[in-house]
Amino acid sequence: MRGRPCFRGTTVLRAGRAPLTLVSLGRQTSTSPALHMRHLPPDRIPARTLADIELPETAFSSDFEITDKYQAFSAELVRLALLGIAGYGFLLANLALKDAQPTDLFAKLVVYRWLLATGVAALGVAVASALAHRFFSTDCLSHQITILRLLKRADAPHWTREEKAQDLVRLTQEREGQRRDLARCRRLLWVSAIALGVGAAAVVLSFAAVLLT
């Protein structure tokens, strides 16, 4: 049986008439899945049975409900910010640029361009922050599901002590990642709400400056 060279000096023999064997530096190594899983990093140990990934709905349903409420709030921030941007579009399309020739309203917009720019930038920040909140809150749920599955593995008899130690390392990493996501979500909601307030004030002041002066 002839082999073909593989990276790092390993030769993979072709299977067919004999079991597949890895030969590296003259030493024969078994390809048993359990043996190879022990050498994988903590985030690379796959589940072995459906019981490793199945979770009761009561274990995570409350987390999903709370996240839905927060995401509904961030979705409302996005909606209001987009309405503010649409208000700027109405101001430009139907008032300042309605005629072919520049109007007095257009001249006023040029004078208050700093106010328009501030409002558009603030509303854009509000939309971006709210969308980022939705991403990180979903990622936070992903961490929570992984944490629950790792906790369930700790009581499973078919995992070795070494694999459980690796799972403990990953559990610590997942909890730290979840903590960072929660902190990001909190900051992003505050930034989005404050930016929306600034953008809304700029929209009102823009209309007042253009129409009432």
Protein backbone atom coordinates (compact mmCIF):
# COMPACT_ATOMS: atom_id res chain seq x y z
CA MET A 1 0.00 0.00 0.00
CA ARG A 2 1.47 3.32 -1.03
CA GLY A 3 0.89 6.58 0.73
CA ARG A 4 0.73 10.20 -0.31
CA PRO A 5 2.59 12.93 1.62
CA CYS A 6 0.58 15.21 3.87
CA PHE A 7 1.55 18.48 5.60
CA ARG A 8 3.98 18.52 8.51
CA GLY A 9 5.66 15.31 7.42
CA THR A 10 2.61 13.08 8.00
CA THR A 11 1.75 10.33 5.53
CA VAL A 12 -1.87 9.29 5.07
CA LEU A 13 -2.20 5.73 3.81
CA ARG A 14 -5.02 4.94 1.42
CA ALA A 15 -7.80 2.85 2.87
CA GLY A 16 -9.35 -0.11 1.10
CA ARG A 17 -7.79 -3.37 2.12
CA ALA A 18 -6.73 -2.34 5.60
CA PRO A 19 -7.88 0.11 8.31
CA LEU A 20 -6.79 3.72 7.78
CA THR A 21 -3.67 4.47 9.82
CA LEU A 22 -1.69 7.65 10.33
CA VAL A 23 2.08 7.36 10.27
CA SER A 24 4.08 10.29 11.57
CA LEU A 25 7.84 10.24 12.13
CA GLY A 26 7.87 6.47 12.12
CA ARG A 27 5.28 6.13 14.91
CA GLN A 28 1.90 4.50 14.32
CA THR A 29 -1.04 6.38 15.78
CA SER A 30 -4.62 5.19 16.13
CA THR A 31 -7.37 7.25 14.50
CA SER A 32 -9.89 6.53 17.27
CA PRO A 33 -12.32 9.51 17.51
CA ALA A 34 -12.09 9.56 21.31
CA LEU A 35 -8.29 9.83 21.17
CA HIS A 36 -8.30 12.68 18.64
CA MET A 37 -10.99 14.62 20.48
CA ARG A 38 -8.72 14.80 23.52
CA HIS A 39 -6.19 16.81 21.53
CA LEU A 40 -8.69 19.29 20.11
CA PRO A 41 -9.00 22.77 21.64
CA PRO A 42 -11.88 23.36 24.10
CA ASP A 43 -14.17 24.80 21.42
CA ARG A 44 -13.68 21.87 19.05
CA ILE A 45 -15.10 18.92 20.99
CA PRO A 46 -18.35 17.99 19.21
CA ALA A 47 -21.39 16.42 20.82
CA ARG A 48 -21.54 12.63 20.74
CA THR A 49 -25.22 12.03 21.38
CA LEU A 50 -28.43 13.98 21.02
CA ALA A 51 -28.60 14.09 24.80
CA ASP A 52 -25.53 16.36 24.76
CA ILE A 53 -27.40 19.12 22.89
CA GLU A 54 -31.01 18.65 23.97
CA LEU A 55 -32.21 21.17 26.54
CA PRO A 56 -35.56 21.52 28.28
CA GLU A 57 -37.47 24.56 27.07
CA THR A 58 -37.82 25.88 30.61
CA ALA A 59 -34.02 26.21 30.79
CA PHE A 60 -33.88 29.01 28.22
CA SER A 61 -37.42 30.23 27.49
CA SER A 62 -37.19 33.12 29.99
CA ASP A 63 -33.89 34.26 28.41
CA PHE A 64 -35.53 34.34 24.98
CA GLU A 65 -38.54 36.27 26.30
CA ILE A 66 -36.36 38.93 27.93
CA THR A 67 -34.21 39.24 24.81
CA ASP A 68 -37.33 39.62 22.66
CA LYS A 69 -38.44 42.58 24.77
CA TYR A 70 -35.06 44.28 24.49
CA GLN A 71 -34.92 43.65 20.75
CA ALA A 72 -38.44 45.03 20.36
CA PHE A 73 -37.24 48.21 22.06
CA SER A 74 -34.19 48.47 19.78
CA ALA A 75 -36.43 47.84 16.76
CA GLU A 76 -38.58 50.78 17.85
CA LEU A 77 -35.47 52.94 18.09
CA VAL A 78 -34.58 51.97 14.52
CA ARG A 79 -38.10 52.78 13.31
CA LEU A 80 -38.14 56.22 14.94
CA ALA A 81 -34.65 57.06 13.67
CA LEU A 82 -35.63 56.11 10.13
CA LEU A 83 -38.72 58.31 10.43
CA GLY A 84 -36.45 61.21 11.36
CA ILE A 85 -34.28 60.58 8.32
CA ALA A 86 -37.45 60.45 6.20
CA GLY A 87 -38.39 63.84 7.68
CA TYR A 88 -35.17 65.28 6.30
CA GLY A 89 -36.00 63.75 2.93
CA PHE A 90 -39.41 65.40 2.98
CA LEU A 91 -37.86 68.73 3.92
CA LEU A 92 -35.47 68.59 0.98
CA ALA A 93 -37.69 67.05 -1.69
CA ASN A 94 -41.00 68.81 -1.05
CA LEU A 95 -39.95 72.17 0.33
CA ALA A 96 -36.43 73.29 -0.50
CA LEU A 97 -36.00 71.55 -3.88
CA LYS A 98 -39.58 71.54 -5.12
CA ASP A 99 -38.88 74.03 -7.94
CA ALA A 100 -36.17 73.83 -10.52
CA GLN A 101 -34.63 77.10 -9.28
CA PRO A 102 -33.14 77.37 -5.76
CA THR A 103 -35.67 78.81 -3.34
CA ASP A 104 -35.38 80.85 -0.17
CA LEU A 105 -35.92 77.64 1.79
CA PHE A 106 -32.92 76.10 0.10
CA ALA A 107 -30.84 79.12 1.04
CA LYS A 108 -31.93 78.71 4.65
CA LEU A 109 -30.94 75.04 4.54
CA VAL A 110 -27.49 76.08 3.42
CA VAL A 111 -27.26 78.48 6.36
CA TYR A 112 -28.34 75.77 8.83
CA ARG A 113 -26.40 72.96 7.17
CA TRP A 114 -24.53 72.25 10.42
CA LEU A 115 -27.86 71.52 12.09
CA LEU A 116 -28.91 69.23 9.26
CA ALA A 117 -25.59 67.39 9.33
CA THR A 118 -25.78 66.94 13.10
CA GLY A 119 -29.29 65.52 12.87
CA VAL A 120 -28.51 63.09 10.07
CA ALA A 121 -25.33 61.90 11.82
CA ALA A 122 -27.15 61.42 15.13
CA LEU A 123 -29.98 59.47 13.54
CA GLY A 124 -27.48 57.34 11.66
CA VAL A 125 -25.69 56.55 14.93
CA ALA A 126 -29.04 55.67 16.51
CA VAL A 127 -29.84 53.18 13.73
CA ALA A 128 -26.35 51.64 13.74
CA SER A 129 -26.29 51.28 17.53
CA ALA A 130 -29.73 49.69 17.66
CA LEU A 131 -28.84 47.20 14.94
CA ALA A 132 -25.57 46.38 16.70
CA HIS A 133 -27.55 45.80 19.90
CA ARG A 134 -29.71 43.25 18.10
CA PHE A 135 -26.60 41.43 16.87
CA PHE A 136 -24.86 41.27 20.25
CA SER A 137 -28.05 40.34 22.11
CA THR A 138 -28.50 37.39 19.74
CA ASP A 139 -24.85 36.46 20.28
CA CYS A 140 -25.49 36.63 24.01
CA LEU A 141 -28.26 34.04 23.60
CA SER A 142 -25.84 31.84 21.69
CA HIS A 143 -23.43 32.01 24.63
CA GLN A 144 -26.26 31.11 27.00
CA ILE A 145 -27.24 28.00 25.02
CA THR A 146 -23.61 26.88 24.87
CA ILE A 147 -23.21 27.43 28.62
CA LEU A 148 -26.28 25.32 29.35
CA ARG A 149 -25.02 22.50 27.12
CA LEU A 150 -21.58 22.57 28.73
CA LEU A 151 -23.14 22.41 32.18
CA LYS A 152 -25.17 19.41 31.03
CA ARG A 153 -22.02 17.67 29.78
CA ALA A 154 -20.48 17.90 33.24
CA ASP A 155 -22.90 15.25 34.50
CA ALA A 156 -22.68 12.96 31.46
CA PRO A 157 -20.81 9.69 32.10
CA HIS A 158 -19.42 9.28 28.55
CA TRP A 159 -17.06 12.26 28.82
CA THR A 160 -13.57 11.71 30.21
CA ARG A 161 -12.07 13.76 33.01
CA GLU A 162 -9.71 15.45 30.55
CA GLU A 163 -12.58 16.39 28.23
CA LYS A 164 -14.59 17.77 31.14
CA ALA A 165 -11.58 19.88 32.12
CA GLN A 166 -11.47 21.27 28.57
CA ASP A 167 -15.20 21.96 28.75
CA LEU A 168 -14.60 23.86 31.99
CA VAL A 169 -12.08 26.07 30.19
CA ARG A 170 -14.57 26.75 27.41
CA LEU A 171 -17.32 27.38 29.97
CA THR A 172 -15.20 30.14 31.48
CA GLN A 173 -14.59 31.59 28.01
CA GLU A 174 -18.30 31.51 27.15
CA ARG A 175 -19.27 33.23 30.38
CA GLU A 176 -16.67 35.93 29.79
CA GLY A 177 -17.91 36.42 26.22
CA GLN A 178 -21.49 36.64 27.47
CA ARG A 179 -20.48 39.24 30.07
CA ARG A 180 -18.83 41.37 27.35
CA ASP A 181 -21.90 41.07 25.11
CA LEU A 182 -24.21 42.16 27.93
CA ALA A 183 -22.02 45.21 28.60
CA ARG A 184 -22.01 46.08 24.89
CA CYS A 185 -25.80 45.73 24.67
CA ARG A 186 -26.30 48.05 27.62
CA ARG A 187 -24.02 50.72 26.16
CA LEU A 188 -25.47 50.41 22.66
CA LEU A 189 -29.03 50.93 23.87
CA TRP A 190 -28.00 54.06 25.76
CA VAL A 191 -26.07 55.40 22.77
CA SER A 192 -28.97 54.68 20.41
CA ALA A 193 -31.56 56.33 22.67
CA ILE A 194 -29.43 59.43 23.26
CA ALA A 195 -28.54 59.74 19.56
CA LEU A 196 -32.23 59.41 18.66
CA GLY A 197 -33.07 62.25 21.04
CA VAL A 198 -30.37 64.46 19.54
CA GLY A 199 -31.48 63.60 16.00
CA ALA A 200 -35.14 64.25 16.77
CA ALA A 201 -34.30 67.63 18.30
CA ALA A 202 -32.25 68.49 15.23
CA VAL A 203 -35.18 67.57 12.95
CA VAL A 204 -37.55 69.83 14.89
CA LEU A 205 -35.06 72.70 14.97
CA SER A 206 -34.37 72.29 11.24
CA PHE A 207 -38.05 72.55 10.35
CA ALA A 208 -38.48 75.50 12.71
CA ALA A 209 -35.43 77.30 11.31
CA VAL A 210 -36.52 76.78 7.71
CA LEU A 211 -40.25 77.42 8.03
CA LEU A 212 -40.47 80.04 10.77
CA THR A 213 -37.56 82.33 9.97
